[in-house]
């Protein structure tokens, strides 16, 4: 039994979910998203919630059951509330700035890094060392945040680099005489 798949996806007020043509579409105040339904599961809608059930009891059907339910939950949450990831930049002279649809990062390299902000993603620079990546698609928000972090991941000796706000960097001791 899938612990994730057993739970029904609650649809908040102001959000509509339609099921048809092998797709689940969610429309809310933030926008509209859709996800394809795999053949191994059945998706139905009951008064204010979406229920996912496996069609068979084989291993693949049970695996797709929990995954499909999680994807539907993500699109429903995305169109109603949205997702965000916070990044912190640590290091002397390390900073970020947003100009239009470009993010400029100064991360200790000989050149500035220009990052084009994709459609559907908003990046806010609260301070020169703090970034907030937000959007309605959970996968895209996480991918953009990971790509920005990948330009200079935090290193364990001084802790310099780009890290998630809730990430803990395990510090190492330097060389000894």
C-alpha atoms as a PDB file:
ATOM      1  CA  UNK A   1       0.000   0.000   0.000  1.00  0.00           C
ATOM      2  CA  UNK A   2       1.247   3.454  -0.892  1.00  0.00           C
ATOM      3  CA  UNK A   3       1.107   5.837   2.049  1.00  0.00           C
ATOM      4  CA  UNK A   4       1.251   8.792  -0.322  1.00  0.00           C
ATOM      5  CA  UNK A   5      -1.237   7.348  -2.829  1.00  0.00           C
ATOM      6  CA  UNK A   6      -3.847   6.575  -0.162  1.00  0.00           C
ATOM      7  CA  UNK A   7      -4.400  10.239   0.639  1.00  0.00           C
ATOM      8  CA  UNK A   8      -6.833  12.225  -1.474  1.00  0.00           C
ATOM      9  CA  UNK A   9      -5.654  15.524  -2.949  1.00  0.00           C
ATOM     10  CA  UNK A  10      -7.730  18.317  -1.393  1.00  0.00           C
ATOM     11  CA  UNK A  11      -8.695  21.020  -3.882  1.00  0.00           C
ATOM     12  CA  UNK A  12      -8.799  24.458  -2.196  1.00  0.00           C
ATOM     13  CA  UNK A  13     -11.561  26.926  -2.969  1.00  0.00           C
ATOM     14  CA  UNK A  14     -10.823  29.091  -5.987  1.00  0.00           C
ATOM     15  CA  UNK A  15      -9.057  26.215  -7.738  1.00  0.00           C
ATOM     16  CA  UNK A  16     -10.694  24.028 -10.381  1.00  0.00           C
ATOM     17  CA  UNK A  17      -9.455  20.597 -11.451  1.00  0.00           C
ATOM     18  CA  UNK A  18     -10.581  18.909 -14.675  1.00  0.00           C
ATOM     19  CA  UNK A  19      -9.791  15.329 -15.668  1.00  0.00           C
ATOM     20  CA  UNK A  20      -9.938  14.186 -19.288  1.00  0.00           C
ATOM     21  CA  UNK A  21      -7.972  13.081 -22.372  1.00  0.00           C
ATOM     22  CA  UNK A  22      -5.254  11.493 -20.236  1.00  0.00           C
ATOM     23  CA  UNK A  23      -4.512  14.797 -18.481  1.00  0.00           C
ATOM     24  CA  UNK A  24      -5.291  16.436 -15.150  1.00  0.00           C
ATOM     25  CA  UNK A  25      -5.568  20.219 -15.469  1.00  0.00           C
ATOM     26  CA  UNK A  26      -5.581  22.597 -12.515  1.00  0.00           C
ATOM     27  CA  UNK A  27      -6.510  26.266 -12.764  1.00  0.00           C
ATOM     28  CA  UNK A  28      -6.184  28.709  -9.903  1.00  0.00           C
ATOM     29  CA  UNK A  29      -5.365  32.283  -8.978  1.00  0.00           C
ATOM     30  CA  UNK A  30      -1.653  31.940  -9.894  1.00  0.00           C
ATOM     31  CA  UNK A  31      -2.121  30.267 -13.281  1.00  0.00           C
ATOM     32  CA  UNK A  32      -2.808  26.963 -14.990  1.00  0.00           C
ATOM     33  CA  UNK A  33      -0.848  23.675 -14.992  1.00  0.00           C
ATOM     34  CA  UNK A  34      -1.428  20.168 -16.315  1.00  0.00           C
ATOM     35  CA  UNK A  35       0.081  16.742 -15.823  1.00  0.00           C
ATOM     36  CA  UNK A  36      -0.258  13.577 -17.932  1.00  0.00           C
ATOM     37  CA  UNK A  37      -1.865  10.511 -16.361  1.00  0.00           C
ATOM     38  CA  UNK A  38       0.043   7.232 -16.705  1.00  0.00           C
ATOM     39  CA  UNK A  39      -1.852   4.128 -17.871  1.00  0.00           C
ATOM     40  CA  UNK A  40      -1.336   2.208 -14.610  1.00  0.00           C
ATOM     41  CA  UNK A  41      -3.577   4.444 -12.449  1.00  0.00           C
ATOM     42  CA  UNK A  42      -7.138   5.723 -12.431  1.00  0.00           C
ATOM     43  CA  UNK A  43      -7.862   9.321 -11.409  1.00  0.00           C
ATOM     44  CA  UNK A  44     -11.315  10.395 -10.261  1.00  0.00           C
ATOM     45  CA  UNK A  45     -12.790  13.465  -8.658  1.00  0.00           C
ATOM     46  CA  UNK A  46     -14.987  13.352  -5.575  1.00  0.00           C
ATOM     47  CA  UNK A  47     -16.594  16.360  -3.849  1.00  0.00           C
ATOM     48  CA  UNK A  48     -13.631  18.736  -3.414  1.00  0.00           C
ATOM     49  CA  UNK A  49     -10.844  16.180  -3.756  1.00  0.00           C
ATOM     50  CA  UNK A  50      -8.979  14.121  -6.357  1.00  0.00           C
ATOM     51  CA  UNK A  51      -8.490  10.394  -5.736  1.00  0.00           C
ATOM     52  CA  UNK A  52      -5.828   8.235  -7.420  1.00  0.00           C
ATOM     53  CA  UNK A  53      -6.131   4.429  -7.483  1.00  0.00           C
ATOM     54  CA  UNK A  54      -3.908   1.767  -9.089  1.00  0.00           C
ATOM     55  CA  UNK A  55      -5.506  -0.392 -11.789  1.00  0.00           C
ATOM     56  CA  UNK A  56      -3.479  -3.495 -10.842  1.00  0.00           C
ATOM     57  CA  UNK A  57      -1.406  -4.670  -7.884  1.00  0.00           C
ATOM     58  CA  UNK A  58       1.892  -5.150  -9.716  1.00  0.00           C
ATOM     59  CA  UNK A  59       5.032  -3.304  -8.695  1.00  0.00           C
ATOM     60  CA  UNK A  60       4.914  -0.651 -11.440  1.00  0.00           C
ATOM     61  CA  UNK A  61       1.256   0.226 -10.782  1.00  0.00           C
ATOM     62  CA  UNK A  62       1.922   0.716  -7.090  1.00  0.00           C
ATOM     63  CA  UNK A  63       4.981   2.855  -7.852  1.00  0.00           C
ATOM     64  CA  UNK A  64       3.052   5.034 -10.320  1.00  0.00           C
ATOM     65  CA  UNK A  65       0.182   5.381  -7.822  1.00  0.00           C
ATOM     66  CA  UNK A  66       2.178   7.402  -5.296  1.00  0.00           C
ATOM     67  CA  UNK A  67       4.086   9.341  -7.957  1.00  0.00           C
ATOM     68  CA  UNK A  68       0.943  10.367  -9.837  1.00  0.00           C
ATOM     69  CA  UNK A  69      -0.761  11.509  -6.650  1.00  0.00           C
ATOM     70  CA  UNK A  70       2.315  13.614  -5.720  1.00  0.00           C
ATOM     71  CA  UNK A  71       2.401  15.242  -9.166  1.00  0.00           C
ATOM     72  CA  UNK A  72      -1.302  16.132  -8.928  1.00  0.00           C
ATOM     73  CA  UNK A  73      -0.749  17.558  -5.425  1.00  0.00           C
ATOM     74  CA  UNK A  74       2.122  19.677  -6.770  1.00  0.00           C
ATOM     75  CA  UNK A  75       0.083  21.232  -9.578  1.00  0.00           C
ATOM     76  CA  UNK A  76      -2.868  21.942  -7.262  1.00  0.00           C
ATOM     77  CA  UNK A  77      -0.581  23.582  -4.674  1.00  0.00           C
ATOM     78  CA  UNK A  78       1.296  25.453  -7.409  1.00  0.00           C
ATOM     79  CA  UNK A  79      -1.743  27.129  -8.965  1.00  0.00           C
ATOM     80  CA  UNK A  80      -3.215  28.055  -5.578  1.00  0.00           C
ATOM     81  CA  UNK A  81      -0.161  29.025  -3.466  1.00  0.00           C
ATOM     82  CA  UNK A  82       2.958  28.686  -5.626  1.00  0.00           C
ATOM     83  CA  UNK A  83       6.412  27.472  -4.611  1.00  0.00           C
ATOM     84  CA  UNK A  84       9.549  29.284  -3.553  1.00  0.00           C
ATOM     85  CA  UNK A  85      13.178  28.514  -2.742  1.00  0.00           C
ATOM     86  CA  UNK A  86      15.418  30.889  -0.824  1.00  0.00           C
ATOM     87  CA  UNK A  87      19.134  31.076  -1.573  1.00  0.00           C
ATOM     88  CA  UNK A  88      21.907  32.754   0.417  1.00  0.00           C
ATOM     89  CA  UNK A  89      25.217  33.939  -0.996  1.00  0.00           C
ATOM     90  CA  UNK A  90      28.205  33.864   1.369  1.00  0.00           C
ATOM     91  CA  UNK A  91      31.648  35.248   0.562  1.00  0.00           C
ATOM     92  CA  UNK A  92      33.544  38.523   0.345  1.00  0.00           C
ATOM     93  CA  UNK A  93      32.458  40.362  -2.800  1.00  0.00           C
ATOM     94  CA  UNK A  94      29.853  37.742  -3.719  1.00  0.00           C
ATOM     95  CA  UNK A  95      26.569  39.367  -4.729  1.00  0.00           C
ATOM     96  CA  UNK A  96      23.569  39.120  -7.020  1.00  0.00           C
ATOM     97  CA  UNK A  97      21.384  41.646  -8.820  1.00  0.00           C
ATOM     98  CA  UNK A  98      18.284  41.347 -10.986  1.00  0.00           C
ATOM     99  CA  UNK A  99      17.909  43.590 -14.056  1.00  0.00           C
ATOM    100  CA  UNK A 100      14.767  42.866 -16.044  1.00  0.00           C
ATOM    101  CA  UNK A 101      14.852  39.217 -17.149  1.00  0.00           C
ATOM    102  CA  UNK A 102      18.533  38.713 -16.241  1.00  0.00           C
ATOM    103  CA  UNK A 103      20.177  37.708 -12.991  1.00  0.00           C
ATOM    104  CA  UNK A 104      23.758  38.912 -12.627  1.00  0.00           C
ATOM    105  CA  UNK A 105      25.917  36.944 -10.193  1.00  0.00           C
ATOM    106  CA  UNK A 106      29.358  37.961  -8.940  1.00  0.00           C
ATOM    107  CA  UNK A 107      30.806  34.822  -7.382  1.00  0.00           C
ATOM    108  CA  UNK A 108      34.548  35.367  -7.282  1.00  0.00           C
ATOM    109  CA  UNK A 109      35.249  34.462 -10.894  1.00  0.00           C
ATOM    110  CA  UNK A 110      37.058  36.788 -13.326  1.00  0.00           C
ATOM    111  CA  UNK A 111      33.711  37.506 -15.009  1.00  0.00           C
ATOM    112  CA  UNK A 112      30.103  38.096 -13.975  1.00  0.00           C
ATOM    113  CA  UNK A 113      27.638  35.273 -14.569  1.00  0.00           C
ATOM    114  CA  UNK A 114      24.561  36.296 -16.562  1.00  0.00           C
ATOM    115  CA  UNK A 115      21.579  33.996 -15.968  1.00  0.00           C
ATOM    116  CA  UNK A 116      18.476  34.391 -18.135  1.00  0.00           C
ATOM    117  CA  UNK A 117      15.363  34.020 -15.985  1.00  0.00           C
ATOM    118  CA  UNK A 118      12.993  31.517 -17.674  1.00  0.00           C
ATOM    119  CA  UNK A 119       9.307  32.200 -18.257  1.00  0.00           C
ATOM    120  CA  UNK A 120       7.112  31.292 -15.292  1.00  0.00           C
ATOM    121  CA  UNK A 121       9.882  31.991 -12.755  1.00  0.00           C
ATOM    122  CA  UNK A 122      10.337  35.138 -10.682  1.00  0.00           C
ATOM    123  CA  UNK A 123      13.596  35.915  -8.915  1.00  0.00           C
ATOM    124  CA  UNK A 124      13.602  38.585  -6.230  1.00  0.00           C
ATOM    125  CA  UNK A 125      16.818  39.947  -4.783  1.00  0.00           C
ATOM    126  CA  UNK A 126      15.895  41.148  -1.263  1.00  0.00           C
ATOM    127  CA  UNK A 127      19.529  41.870  -0.377  1.00  0.00           C
ATOM    128  CA  UNK A 128      22.614  41.522  -2.563  1.00  0.00           C
ATOM    129  CA  UNK A 129      23.274  38.221  -0.734  1.00  0.00           C
ATOM    130  CA  UNK A 130      19.729  36.801  -0.635  1.00  0.00           C
ATOM    131  CA  UNK A 131      17.653  35.468  -3.533  1.00  0.00           C
ATOM    132  CA  UNK A 132      14.086  34.190  -3.664  1.00  0.00           C
ATOM    133  CA  UNK A 133      13.148  31.951  -6.612  1.00  0.00           C
ATOM    134  CA  UNK A 134       9.376  31.544  -6.963  1.00  0.00           C
ATOM    135  CA  UNK A 135       6.874  30.171  -9.451  1.00  0.00           C
ATOM    136  CA  UNK A 136       3.946  27.781  -9.875  1.00  0.00           C
ATOM    137  CA  UNK A 137       5.839  24.739 -11.230  1.00  0.00           C
ATOM    138  CA  UNK A 138       7.649  22.966  -8.371  1.00  0.00           C
ATOM    139  CA  UNK A 139      10.057  21.141 -10.668  1.00  0.00           C
ATOM    140  CA  UNK A 140      11.041  24.305 -12.526  1.00  0.00           C
ATOM    141  CA  UNK A 141      11.541  26.321  -9.319  1.00  0.00           C
ATOM    142  CA  UNK A 142      13.789  23.600  -7.899  1.00  0.00           C
ATOM    143  CA  UNK A 143      15.714  23.264 -11.175  1.00  0.00           C
ATOM    144  CA  UNK A 144      16.418  27.014 -11.432  1.00  0.00           C
ATOM    145  CA  UNK A 145      17.487  27.193  -7.771  1.00  0.00           C
ATOM    146  CA  UNK A 146      19.790  24.180  -8.244  1.00  0.00           C
ATOM    147  CA  UNK A 147      21.308  25.715 -11.376  1.00  0.00           C
ATOM    148  CA  UNK A 148      22.048  28.998  -9.566  1.00  0.00           C
ATOM    149  CA  UNK A 149      23.536  27.053  -6.641  1.00  0.00           C
ATOM    150  CA  UNK A 150      25.613  25.026  -9.112  1.00  0.00           C
ATOM    151  CA  UNK A 151      27.550  28.101 -10.267  1.00  0.00           C
ATOM    152  CA  UNK A 152      29.407  28.159  -6.913  1.00  0.00           C
ATOM    153  CA  UNK A 153      28.323  25.403  -4.483  1.00  0.00           C
ATOM    154  CA  UNK A 154      29.266  26.025  -0.842  1.00  0.00           C
ATOM    155  CA  UNK A 155      32.682  24.724   0.111  1.00  0.00           C
ATOM    156  CA  UNK A 156      33.301  23.059   3.483  1.00  0.00           C
ATOM    157  CA  UNK A 157      36.372  25.011   4.677  1.00  0.00           C
ATOM    158  CA  UNK A 158      35.139  28.607   4.729  1.00  0.00           C
ATOM    159  CA  UNK A 159      31.491  28.068   3.779  1.00  0.00           C
ATOM    160  CA  UNK A 160      31.730  30.409   0.776  1.00  0.00           C
ATOM    161  CA  UNK A 161      29.324  29.951  -2.114  1.00  0.00           C
ATOM    162  CA  UNK A 162      25.613  29.812  -2.882  1.00  0.00           C
ATOM    163  CA  UNK A 163      23.494  27.678  -0.549  1.00  0.00           C
ATOM    164  CA  UNK A 164      19.846  27.092   0.178  1.00  0.00           C
ATOM    165  CA  UNK A 165      18.591  29.122   3.152  1.00  0.00           C
ATOM    166  CA  UNK A 166      17.728  25.989   5.144  1.00  0.00           C
ATOM    167  CA  UNK A 167      20.875  24.076   4.143  1.00  0.00           C
ATOM    168  CA  UNK A 168      23.557  23.285   6.714  1.00  0.00           C
ATOM    169  CA  UNK A 169      27.161  23.229   5.526  1.00  0.00           C
ATOM    170  CA  UNK A 170      29.334  20.683   7.317  1.00  0.00           C
ATOM    171  CA  UNK A 171      32.521  22.558   8.087  1.00  0.00           C
ATOM    172  CA  UNK A 172      35.934  20.912   7.907  1.00  0.00           C
ATOM    173  CA  UNK A 173      39.027  21.761   9.851  1.00  0.00           C
ATOM    174  CA  UNK A 174      41.889  23.278   7.838  1.00  0.00           C
ATOM    175  CA  UNK A 175      45.505  22.143   7.675  1.00  0.00           C
ATOM    176  CA  UNK A 176      47.471  21.814  10.909  1.00  0.00           C
ATOM    177  CA  UNK A 177      51.151  22.472  11.453  1.00  0.00           C
END
